[in-house]
Each structure stands twice: as C-alpha cells, then as structure tokens.
Protein backbone atom coordinates (compact mmCIF):
# COMPACT_ATOMS: atom_id res chain seq x y z
CA UNK A 1 11.28 92.58 125.53
CA UNK A 2 10.42 94.12 128.80
CA UNK A 3 12.83 93.42 131.67
CA UNK A 4 11.77 90.39 133.77
CA UNK A 5 12.40 90.35 137.48
CA UNK A 6 13.42 86.64 137.90
CA UNK A 7 13.54 86.84 141.65
CA UNK A 8 9.86 88.05 141.72
CA UNK A 9 8.65 85.36 139.42
CA UNK A 10 10.27 82.40 141.36
CA UNK A 11 9.18 83.89 144.72
CA UNK A 12 5.50 83.76 143.78
CA UNK A 13 3.57 81.29 145.91
CA UNK A 14 2.63 78.81 143.13
CA UNK A 15 6.10 78.91 141.59
CA UNK A 16 8.14 78.78 144.76
CA UNK A 17 6.26 75.79 146.19
CA UNK A 18 6.95 73.71 143.08
CA UNK A 19 10.53 74.89 142.66
CA UNK A 20 11.35 74.20 146.36
CA UNK A 21 9.74 70.79 146.21
CA UNK A 22 11.81 69.94 143.20
CA UNK A 23 15.05 71.32 144.87
CA UNK A 24 14.32 69.19 147.93
CA UNK A 25 14.48 66.00 145.79
CA UNK A 26 17.72 67.08 144.10
CA UNK A 27 20.94 65.71 145.60
CA UNK A 28 23.06 67.83 143.31
CA UNK A 29 21.37 71.27 143.51
CA UNK A 30 23.71 74.20 143.57
CA UNK A 31 21.89 77.45 143.28
CA UNK A 32 19.76 79.73 141.06
CA UNK A 33 21.30 83.08 139.95
CA UNK A 34 20.19 85.97 137.76
CA UNK A 35 22.35 87.44 135.00
CA UNK A 36 24.15 89.66 137.54
CA UNK A 37 25.33 86.55 139.41
CA UNK A 38 23.13 87.27 142.42
CA UNK A 39 22.08 84.06 144.18
CA UNK A 40 18.34 83.91 144.35
CA UNK A 41 17.94 80.40 145.81
CA UNK A 42 20.66 78.19 147.28
CA UNK A 43 24.09 78.87 148.71
CA UNK A 44 27.54 79.86 147.48
CA UNK A 45 29.78 76.87 146.82
CA UNK A 46 27.14 74.32 146.00
CA UNK A 47 27.28 71.91 143.09
CA UNK A 48 28.11 73.73 139.90
CA UNK A 49 28.74 70.84 137.61
CA UNK A 50 26.18 72.01 135.17
CA UNK A 51 25.09 75.50 134.29
CA UNK A 52 21.61 75.57 132.64
CA UNK A 53 20.01 78.73 131.25
CA UNK A 54 16.64 80.08 132.36
CA UNK A 55 14.89 81.36 129.13
CA UNK A 56 12.30 84.04 128.56
CA UNK A 57 11.18 83.83 124.90
CA UNK A 58 14.52 82.27 124.02
CA UNK A 59 16.44 84.99 125.86
CA UNK A 60 18.57 83.99 128.87
CA UNK A 61 17.59 85.77 132.09
CA UNK A 62 19.30 83.56 134.63
CA UNK A 63 21.01 80.26 135.46
CA UNK A 64 20.52 77.13 137.37
CA UNK A 65 23.76 75.52 138.81
CA UNK A 66 23.84 71.90 139.83
CA UNK A 67 24.00 68.30 138.60
CA UNK A 68 22.10 66.46 135.97
CA UNK A 69 18.67 67.57 137.23
CA UNK A 70 19.58 71.22 136.74
CA UNK A 71 18.38 71.25 133.14
CA UNK A 72 14.91 70.12 134.18
CA UNK A 73 14.72 72.65 136.96
CA UNK A 74 15.77 75.39 134.48
CA UNK A 75 13.01 74.25 132.13
CA UNK A 76 10.46 74.41 134.94
CA UNK A 77 11.49 77.91 135.94
CA UNK A 78 11.52 79.00 132.25
CA UNK A 79 7.95 77.78 131.94
CA UNK A 80 6.97 79.89 134.97
CA UNK A 81 8.74 82.89 133.43
CA UNK A 82 7.04 82.50 130.05
CA UNK A 83 3.69 82.04 131.66
CA UNK A 84 4.27 85.19 133.57
CA UNK A 85 5.17 87.03 130.36
CA UNK A 86 2.05 85.63 128.65
CA UNK A 87 -0.19 86.57 131.55
CA UNK A 88 1.21 90.10 131.50
CA UNK A 89 0.66 90.31 127.74
CA UNK A 90 -2.91 89.03 128.09
CA UNK A 91 -3.56 91.48 130.87
CA UNK A 92 -2.14 94.32 128.84
CA UNK A 93 -4.25 93.25 125.82
CA UNK A 94 -7.30 93.05 127.94
CA UNK A 95 -6.54 96.49 129.37
CA UNK A 96 -5.99 97.81 125.83
CA UNK A 97 -9.37 96.30 124.78
CA UNK A 98 -11.03 97.81 127.81
CA UNK A 99 -9.50 101.21 127.00
CA UNK A 100 -10.67 100.88 123.41
CA UNK A 101 -14.13 99.94 124.58
CA UNK A 102 -14.28 102.94 126.85
CA UNK A 103 -13.01 105.21 124.08
CA UNK A 104 -15.61 103.87 121.56
CA UNK A 105 -18.31 104.35 124.18
CA UNK A 106 -17.24 108.03 124.65
CA UNK A 107 -17.19 108.45 120.95
CA UNK A 108 -20.63 106.94 120.57
CA UNK A 109 -22.05 109.21 123.25
CA UNK A 110 -20.63 112.26 121.46
CA UNK A 111 -21.98 111.15 118.10
CA UNK A 112 -25.45 110.11 119.20
CA UNK A 113 -26.03 113.30 121.18
CA UNK A 114 -25.09 115.65 118.33
CA UNK A 115 -27.58 116.58 115.59
CA UNK A 116 -25.61 119.22 113.69
CA UNK A 117 -24.20 117.63 110.52
CA UNK A 118 -21.05 119.83 110.54
CA UNK A 119 -20.36 119.18 114.13
CA UNK A 120 -20.79 115.42 113.65
CA UNK A 121 -18.23 115.48 110.86
CA UNK A 122 -15.86 117.48 113.10
CA UNK A 123 -16.26 114.90 115.92
CA UNK A 124 -15.33 112.03 113.50
CA UNK A 125 -12.20 113.91 112.33
CA UNK A 126 -11.30 114.93 115.96
CA UNK A 127 -11.64 111.28 117.18
CA UNK A 128 -9.69 109.96 114.25
CA UNK A 129 -6.80 112.35 115.01
CA UNK A 130 -6.90 111.33 118.72
CA UNK A 131 -6.91 107.58 117.94
CA UNK A 132 -4.38 107.32 115.04
CA UNK A 133 -2.42 110.59 115.09
CA UNK A 134 -2.52 110.92 111.27
CA UNK A 135 -1.16 113.52 109.02
CA UNK A 136 -4.49 113.94 107.30
CA UNK A 137 -8.11 112.99 107.55
CA UNK A 138 -10.90 113.47 105.11
CA UNK A 139 -14.57 112.69 104.86
CA UNK A 140 -16.09 112.29 101.40
CA UNK A 141 -19.85 112.18 100.64
CA UNK A 142 -21.45 110.76 97.53
CA UNK A 143 -23.37 113.63 95.82
CA UNK A 144 -26.75 112.18 94.79
CA UNK A 145 -27.20 114.77 92.06
CA UNK A 146 -23.79 114.39 90.35
CA UNK A 147 -22.87 110.84 91.36
CA UNK A 148 -19.47 112.06 92.42
CA UNK A 149 -17.50 111.65 95.67
CA UNK A 150 -16.77 115.12 97.20
CA UNK A 151 -14.64 116.11 100.26
CA UNK A 152 -16.95 117.72 102.73
CA UNK A 153 -14.56 117.96 105.76
CA UNK A 154 -10.86 117.45 106.20
CA UNK A 155 -7.83 117.94 108.36
CA UNK A 156 -4.27 118.37 107.19
CA UNK A 157 -5.09 118.53 103.49
CA UNK A 158 -4.19 121.24 101.03
CA UNK A 159 -5.91 121.45 97.66
CA UNK A 160 -6.74 124.26 95.25
CA UNK A 161 -9.88 122.74 93.79
CA UNK A 162 -12.72 120.81 95.23
CA UNK A 163 -11.59 117.20 95.09
CA UNK A 164 -14.13 114.97 93.30
CA UNK A 165 -14.02 111.43 91.91
CA UNK A 166 -16.31 108.85 90.43
CA UNK A 167 -17.30 105.63 92.17
CA UNK A 168 -14.68 103.01 91.30
CA UNK A 169 -12.08 105.78 90.75
CA UNK A 170 -9.20 105.88 93.22
CA UNK A 171 -9.07 103.94 96.48
CA UNK A 172 -11.98 105.83 98.04
CA UNK A 173 -14.13 105.21 94.92
CA UNK A 174 -13.41 101.50 95.17
CA UNK A 175 -14.32 101.43 98.89
CA UNK A 176 -17.69 102.99 97.97
CA UNK A 177 -18.30 100.11 95.55
CA UNK A 178 -16.97 97.28 97.70
CA UNK A 179 -18.31 98.56 101.02
CA UNK A 180 -15.35 97.15 102.85
CA UNK A 181 -12.65 98.96 104.85
CA UNK A 182 -9.03 98.54 103.76
CA UNK A 183 -5.45 99.12 105.01
CA UNK A 184 -3.02 100.30 102.40
CA UNK A 185 0.37 100.65 104.10
CA UNK A 186 2.20 101.24 100.76
CA UNK A 187 -0.28 103.50 98.98
CA UNK A 188 2.03 104.47 96.11
CA UNK A 189 2.37 100.87 94.98
CA UNK A 190 -1.37 100.46 94.82
CA UNK A 191 -2.70 100.72 91.28
CA UNK A 192 -5.87 102.46 92.44
CA UNK A 193 -3.95 105.31 94.14
CA UNK A 194 -4.38 108.80 92.65
CA UNK A 195 -1.39 111.05 93.56
CA UNK A 196 -2.29 114.49 94.98
CA UNK A 197 -0.55 117.32 96.72
CA UNK A 198 -0.05 115.33 99.90
CA UNK A 199 2.83 112.86 100.17
CA UNK A 200 0.69 109.91 101.37
CA UNK A 201 2.45 106.71 102.16
CA UNK A 202 0.00 104.77 104.32
CA UNK A 203 -3.73 105.06 104.72
CA UNK A 204 -6.90 103.41 106.01
CA UNK A 205 -10.27 103.83 104.27
CA UNK A 206 -13.64 102.89 105.70
CA UNK A 207 -17.09 103.23 104.17
CA UNK A 208 -19.72 105.44 105.94
CA UNK A 209 -22.21 102.71 105.84
CA UNK A 210 -25.81 103.09 107.18
CA UNK A 211 -28.50 100.41 107.36
CA UNK A 212 -29.75 101.15 103.89
CA UNK A 213 -26.76 102.42 101.85
CA UNK A 214 -23.24 103.76 101.73
CA UNK A 215 -23.20 107.59 101.98
CA UNK A 216 -19.45 108.21 101.82
CA UNK A 217 -15.95 107.27 102.82
CA UNK A 218 -13.65 108.40 105.65
CA UNK A 219 -9.91 108.34 104.99
CA UNK A 220 -6.99 108.54 107.47
CA UNK A 221 -3.46 108.79 106.06
CA UNK A 222 0.13 109.16 107.10
CA UNK A 223 2.86 110.94 105.10
CA UNK A 224 5.38 108.46 106.46
CA UNK A 225 5.47 104.67 106.24
CA UNK A 226 3.08 103.36 108.92
CA UNK A 227 2.03 99.83 109.75
CA UNK A 228 -1.65 100.11 110.38
CA UNK A 229 -2.86 96.90 112.04
CA UNK A 230 -6.03 94.84 111.89
CA UNK A 231 -6.84 96.15 115.40
CA UNK A 232 -6.48 99.77 114.00
CA UNK A 233 -8.75 98.99 111.16
CA UNK A 234 -11.34 97.37 113.45
CA UNK A 235 -11.49 100.56 115.58
CA UNK A 236 -11.50 102.71 112.51
CA UNK A 237 -14.40 100.76 110.94
CA UNK A 238 -16.35 100.94 114.14
CA UNK A 239 -15.83 104.69 114.27
CA UNK A 240 -16.89 105.00 110.61
CA UNK A 241 -20.01 102.94 111.26
CA UNK A 242 -21.14 105.00 114.22
CA UNK A 243 -20.18 108.14 112.37
CA UNK A 244 -22.33 107.14 109.31
CA UNK A 245 -25.43 106.65 111.53
CA UNK A 246 -24.76 109.88 113.35
CA UNK A 247 -24.33 111.79 110.05
CA UNK A 248 -27.59 110.24 108.68
CA UNK A 249 -29.46 111.11 111.86
CA UNK A 250 -28.03 114.65 111.83
CA UNK A 251 -28.96 115.11 108.17
CA UNK A 252 -32.44 113.80 108.81
CA UNK A 253 -32.81 116.05 111.82
CA UNK A 254 -31.48 119.01 109.76
CA UNK A 255 -34.06 118.22 107.06
CA UNK A 256 -36.78 118.00 109.73
CA UNK A 257 -35.65 121.35 111.22
CA UNK A 258 -35.64 122.99 107.76
CA UNK A 259 -39.02 121.52 106.94
CA UNK A 260 -40.33 122.68 110.36
CA UNK A 261 -38.87 126.16 109.76
CA UNK A 262 -40.41 126.22 106.31
CA UNK A 263 -43.72 125.15 107.69
CA UNK A 264 -43.54 127.73 110.47
CA UNK A 265 -42.63 130.39 107.86
CA UNK A 266 -45.58 129.25 105.71
CA UNK A 267 -47.87 129.30 108.72
CA UNK A 268 -46.50 132.71 109.66
CA UNK A 269 -47.11 134.03 106.16
CA UNK A 270 -50.53 132.46 105.88
CA UNK A 271 -51.40 133.74 109.40
CA UNK A 272 -50.29 137.21 108.30
CA UNK A 273 -52.29 136.91 105.16
CA UNK A 274 -55.26 135.68 107.11
CA UNK A 275 -54.88 138.48 109.68
CA UNK A 276 -54.57 141.06 106.92
CA UNK A 277 -57.59 139.57 105.26
CA UNK A 278 -59.53 139.60 108.53
CA UNK A 279 -58.50 143.25 109.10
CA UNK A 280 -59.56 144.05 105.61
CA UNK A 281 -62.82 142.19 106.15
CA UNK A 282 -63.31 143.97 109.52
CA UNK A 283 -62.66 147.29 107.81
CA UNK A 284 -64.99 146.45 104.96
CA UNK A 285 -67.62 145.32 107.45
CA UNK A 286 -67.25 148.44 109.49
CA UNK A 287 -67.43 150.55 106.34
CA UNK A 288 -70.45 148.52 105.19
CA UNK A 289 -72.05 148.91 108.59
CA UNK A 290 -71.36 152.64 108.55
CA UNK A 291 -72.68 152.92 105.02
CA UNK A 292 -75.75 150.94 105.96
CA UNK A 293 -76.37 153.23 108.94
CA UNK A 294 -75.65 156.48 107.16
CA UNK A 295 -77.97 158.52 104.99
CA UNK A 296 -76.64 158.42 101.43
CA UNK A 297 -77.21 162.13 100.76
CA UNK A 298 -76.33 164.02 103.93
CA UNK A 299 -73.86 161.62 105.56
CA UNK A 300 -75.61 161.65 108.95
CA UNK A 301 -77.24 158.56 110.43
CA UNK A 302 -80.23 157.27 108.52
CA UNK A 303 -83.78 156.47 109.72
CA UNK A 304 -82.98 152.75 110.33
CA UNK A 305 -80.07 153.53 112.53
CA UNK A 306 -82.11 156.13 114.41
CA UNK A 307 -84.76 153.56 115.12
CA UNK A 308 -82.24 151.00 116.49
CA UNK A 309 -80.31 153.67 118.48
CA UNK A 310 -83.48 155.17 120.02
CA UNK A 311 -84.62 151.79 121.25
CA UNK A 312 -81.20 151.03 122.77
CA UNK A 313 -81.02 154.48 124.47
CA UNK A 314 -84.55 154.11 125.74
CA UNK A 315 -83.71 150.79 127.44
CA UNK A 316 -80.49 152.23 128.91
CA UNK A 317 -82.33 155.32 130.26
CA UNK A 318 -85.05 153.01 131.73
CA UNK A 319 -82.40 150.85 133.43
CA UNK A 320 -80.35 153.75 134.74
CA UNK A 321 -83.29 156.03 135.47
CA UNK A 322 -81.89 158.82 133.31
CA UNK A 323 -83.53 161.47 131.18
CA UNK A 324 -83.65 160.91 127.38
CA UNK A 325 -84.36 163.79 125.00
CA UNK A 326 -85.28 163.98 121.32
CA UNK A 327 -84.92 167.02 119.10
CA UNK A 328 -87.01 167.03 115.94
CA UNK A 329 -85.97 169.45 113.15
CA UNK A 330 -87.77 170.49 109.97
CA UNK A 331 -86.47 172.77 107.27
CA UNK A 332 -88.97 175.56 106.81
CA UNK A 333 -90.79 175.81 103.46
CA UNK A 334 -88.41 173.31 101.89
CA UNK A 335 -90.91 172.34 99.13
CA UNK A 336 -90.92 175.99 98.01
CA UNK A 337 -87.07 175.92 97.98
CA UNK A 338 -87.12 172.78 95.84
CA UNK A 339 -89.65 174.29 93.47
CA UNK A 340 -87.74 177.50 93.17
CA UNK A 341 -84.11 176.32 92.88
CA UNK A 342 -84.47 172.72 91.75
CA UNK A 343 -83.84 169.40 93.35
CA UNK A 344 -80.04 169.59 92.99
CA UNK A 345 -80.00 172.79 94.96
CA UNK A 346 -82.42 171.24 97.39
CA UNK A 347 -80.02 168.36 97.91
CA UNK A 348 -77.04 170.74 98.46
CA UNK A 349 -79.28 172.68 100.96
CA UNK A 350 -80.02 169.51 102.97
CA UNK A 351 -76.32 168.59 103.09
CA UNK A 352 -75.39 171.98 104.46
CA UNK A 353 -78.19 171.89 107.05
CA UNK A 354 -77.12 168.40 108.14
CA UNK A 355 -73.50 169.53 108.50
CA UNK A 356 -74.59 172.54 110.57
CA UNK A 357 -76.74 170.29 112.87
CA UNK A 358 -73.88 167.77 113.22
CA UNK A 359 -71.39 170.56 114.12
CA UNK A 360 -73.56 171.43 117.12
CA UNK A 361 -73.35 167.86 118.45
CA UNK A 362 -70.27 167.62 120.66
CA UNK A 363 -70.81 164.57 122.88
CA UNK A 364 -69.98 161.12 121.48
CA UNK A 365 -73.24 159.78 122.95
CA UNK A 366 -75.39 162.29 120.94
CA UNK A 367 -76.53 161.36 117.42
CA UNK A 368 -78.09 163.36 114.62
CA UNK A 369 -80.10 161.41 111.94
CA UNK A 370 -82.11 162.14 108.88
CA UNK A 371 -85.67 161.35 109.79
CA UNK A 372 -87.20 161.60 106.33
CA UNK A 373 -87.31 164.15 103.53
CA UNK A 374 -86.26 167.53 105.08
CA UNK A 375 -86.72 166.29 108.64
CA UNK A 376 -83.86 165.47 111.08
CA UNK A 377 -83.86 164.13 114.60
CA UNK A 378 -81.27 164.24 117.44
CA UNK A 379 -81.02 161.56 120.14
CA UNK A 380 -79.62 163.06 123.40
CA UNK A 381 -79.00 160.46 126.17
CA UNK A 382 -78.84 161.66 129.78
CA UNK A 383 -80.14 165.07 128.77
CA UNK A 384 -83.05 166.89 130.44
CA UNK A 385 -85.50 169.24 128.76
CA UNK A 386 -83.48 172.41 129.45
CA UNK A 387 -80.33 170.93 127.93
CA UNK A 388 -82.35 169.73 124.89
CA UNK A 389 -83.92 173.23 124.40
CA UNK A 390 -80.50 174.88 124.52
CA UNK A 391 -79.06 172.45 122.00
CA UNK A 392 -82.19 172.87 119.75
CA UNK A 393 -81.84 176.65 119.81
CA UNK A 394 -78.11 176.37 118.97
CA UNK A 395 -79.02 174.25 115.98
CA UNK A 396 -81.59 176.75 114.84
CA UNK A 397 -79.13 179.64 115.10
CA UNK A 398 -76.45 177.66 113.30
CA UNK A 399 -78.68 176.94 110.31
CA UNK A 400 -79.85 180.55 110.12
CA UNK A 401 -76.23 181.73 110.17
CA UNK A 402 -75.55 179.74 107.00
CA UNK A 403 -77.22 182.55 105.11
CA UNK A 404 -78.69 180.25 102.45
CA UNK A 405 -80.96 182.42 100.25
CA UNK A 406 -84.67 181.25 100.29
CA UNK A 407 -86.75 183.82 98.30
CA UNK A 408 -89.95 181.81 98.73
CA UNK A 409 -89.78 181.51 102.58
CA UNK A 410 -92.69 183.15 104.33
CA UNK A 411 -90.56 183.50 107.49
CA UNK A 412 -87.21 184.85 106.49
CA UNK A 413 -85.53 185.19 103.16
CA UNK A 414 -82.92 182.76 104.28
CA UNK A 415 -83.08 178.96 105.03
CA UNK A 416 -84.33 178.37 108.57
CA UNK A 417 -85.57 175.39 110.69
CA UNK A 418 -88.31 174.73 113.12
CA UNK A 419 -87.37 172.65 116.22
CA UNK A 420 -89.47 170.49 118.52
CA UNK A 421 -88.03 169.12 121.78
CA UNK A 422 -89.34 166.44 124.13
CA UNK A 423 -87.75 164.73 127.15
CA UNK A 424 -88.67 161.86 129.46
CA UNK A 425 -87.30 159.76 132.26
CA UNK A 426 -88.60 156.34 131.12
CA UNK A 427 -90.61 154.13 133.45
CA UNK A 428 -92.85 151.10 133.06
CA UNK A 429 -95.85 153.32 132.24
CA UNK A 430 -94.20 155.24 129.36
CA UNK A 431 -92.85 154.33 125.93
CA UNK A 432 -90.49 155.43 123.19
CA UNK A 433 -93.45 155.98 120.90
CA UNK A 434 -94.82 158.47 123.44
CA UNK A 435 -91.54 160.39 123.43
CA UNK A 436 -91.50 160.49 119.66
CA UNK A 437 -95.11 161.69 119.58
CA UNK A 438 -94.30 164.46 122.09
CA UNK A 439 -91.31 165.59 119.97
CA UNK A 440 -93.51 165.59 116.89
CA UNK A 441 -96.19 167.60 118.72
CA UNK A 442 -93.56 170.16 119.81
CA UNK A 443 -92.29 170.46 116.24
CA UNK A 444 -95.93 171.01 114.98
CA UNK A 445 -96.27 173.72 117.68
CA UNK A 446 -93.09 175.49 116.46
CA UNK A 447 -94.40 175.48 112.96
CA UNK A 448 -97.80 176.65 114.02
CA UNK A 449 -96.30 179.48 116.01
CA UNK A 450 -94.49 180.93 112.98
CA UNK A 451 -91.47 178.65 112.42
CA UNK A 452 -87.72 179.42 112.93
CA UNK A 453 -88.09 178.75 116.69
CA UNK A 454 -87.87 175.98 119.28
CA UNK A 455 -90.87 174.54 121.15
CA UNK A 456 -91.07 171.77 123.71
C-alpha cells in the first residue's frame, strides 16, 4: 500500500471541521499521533486512558489517545483515510482509463490512415509490443485457398517452417471458430496448446474480426508466467478489432490498386496497339494514296494527280499573283519504237524516259506526271517562261543522253523528246484550260519544226 500522509488527510477542510467539532465535545480527548509519535492534533500530557488505532485498509497508520470516545474518533478518522485512499484509486483508475483511451485513439489514427497491408500488420505488432511488453507477437491469417491458418507477421518468434494449422486446431484455431478473445495464463496446462520452439507460458489471443467474417488471429505471449487481466484483454481485443478493419481496408485498397494498375497496363497496351494500328493505317493510307496518285508503269504521278495538282497550283498562283508554267513532253516516233521493238521494250523505254525527266526536277514544289501514252507533263509553280524553257531543254538533253537506240526515228537514231512550254500569271480573265492549250500548242510546234527541241 502506498504511504498515507495522515496529517494531510485530517487537515483537509472537510475532515478537519468534523474532527475538530467532535473533539470539542470530548471531555476526555488527549491527542492524535502518527506512527512516529508526532502529535498532529492535541497537546502532550492529555488524557491517554485509551489508545485507539487509525486504520487504512486494516493497517494502522496512527493513534487517537483519550477516553471512551477515542474509539469513535479513531473510526471517523479511519473513514476519512479510507475515503482518501478510495478517491486516489478512483482518480488513478480514471487517469489510466484516460491514458488507455488516448493510446487507443492514437492507434486508431495510425491504423485508419495506413493502406499498405504489410505496414498495417507492423503497426499492430508494434502497438502490441508497446502495450504489453510481450516476448512474442504473431498475426495469423486464414488462407481462403487452403483453409489453413498461416503466420503472416511476427515478432520474437523462431521457426524453421511456415507455421500452419487447421481451424479448431490449437488455441488460435479454436479462437477462429469461437470468435472470442481469451486469456490463457498457464498455456501448458491448456489441452488445446501445441508446443513449439518458444517457451510460452502465458498468452492472449484475439480474433481479427471484421463486420462480415473472421480473417485471422493475433497472439501475444510471454515466456514467463504473466497474469494478463480482463483490462488487458479488453484493450487487446479493441486493438485486434481496429486492426482487422484496417487490414481489410488495406487489402481492399491493395486489390483496387492492383486492379487499377492492371487496367492502366491494359489501357496502355491497348493504346499502344491502337496507336500502332493507326500508324499502320496511316502508312497504308499514305501508301494507298501514293499508289492511287502514281502511274503504275513509270512511277511518276498519274493523270488524275496531275489534274488535281494543276488546279491547286493555279488557285495558289492566282492568289499570290505568281507565274505558273507547264512543260509538255512527247516521246518522238514512239509508235514506231513499239512496232519495231515490241511493247515490253516500249514500256522499258517509257520507264527510263520518266526517270530521266524526274531526275531533272530538283524543287519539291515541281511535279512530273504521265499525261497519257508516251506524253508527260511537268507542273512548275512560281516559274516564269525562261525558267520553264531552261528546264524543258535540260529534260530534252537528259533523254537524248540515255542513248536508247531507235532505228525507226526520222529525227535521230536514238530516243528523243519534243517539248512544249507555256507560262501564265493567272488573273480573272484567264484559265487553267487556256494554259494547258498553250502548252499543247507549243508541243505541236516543236513536233512540226522537226522534233527533239523545245518550243514555247
């Protein structure tokens, strides 16, 4: 029992007023002394006929000296002392309850703000160590696939193999079935106890119980005899309940995170597949567009592409007030070439002529197209008549330099071309058809003048 200061108890206002009032009505009062013989109330030499003990929980802490009324006064003072002890105990208990409440609130905050399953388990173990100072702590989960209890986190335990047990097996297995927390202060005398490598004497087990089911058990044990109390079990059960909810929330959050990651990965893969498909489609469309705009034999632009391009460049030249030139090309005496060497040789000849004409084109804005049969045409934006004539003559020279034998040519015993050039700066009174007609007239003029030449 804690030491009681008798002088302080009887000097308190409520006690001293009653004690003094009683003393004033006593004719035979001597004094009140503590165990050391110190006089607390009264004087030396007073009545000492009776010596009555002042008791605190049946333990003497002082004396009342006097006559017959001394025993009653001693009883009154003993009541004040015991009330003082009780009040202190209640205050201490209230303070302990308050401390426990604050501790559980802190634990709750830690658990409810953590969504990592492993960290939640570590918090439960850490708080259990802090509350009960055990030799070992373990958390066991029920494996839904195997139906076995497995240790998933522990402190102070040594085992070679993964510890597993069936429901109803061992103390933990029984807790799973009953769903009720237990104190076992003498574990080795419990028929359910399964001996292990740890010298366990006392333990507490509480189910990890959620709203819908029991997901596992948490065990706290001591290797020495320990008297776990009902208050200990209450705190432990509260911790286990909060821990179970936190574990379930963390597992659910983890599943959501994994599901989210899987969805993001699937979306990422599908997006990549879609992007790849779109790229392939774009490439295919580009290739298709190129194929649809190219002449199948020579590989230069076809007539349809020329028609679209010529209209576009005409509008641009009209808008910007720039010169637009056309160069019309015809392979000289090509029918004779076909008749002499055959259509396969004729096709090869056209391919070589087209490549020669294309090699002269150096600007990205210039385009060479097959106009029809053995005729070709070049569209030259922002080019005046002199630039067009120069390019046309370069084309003529390039084809002649190929040195393709043409025995039936009336001009030169090699393949040659005739070139007609026309240029315009479009206005509201002119048209693309007029420019085409002029280029065609210039080509006719070149042929009429003897071929293998450029006219404008």
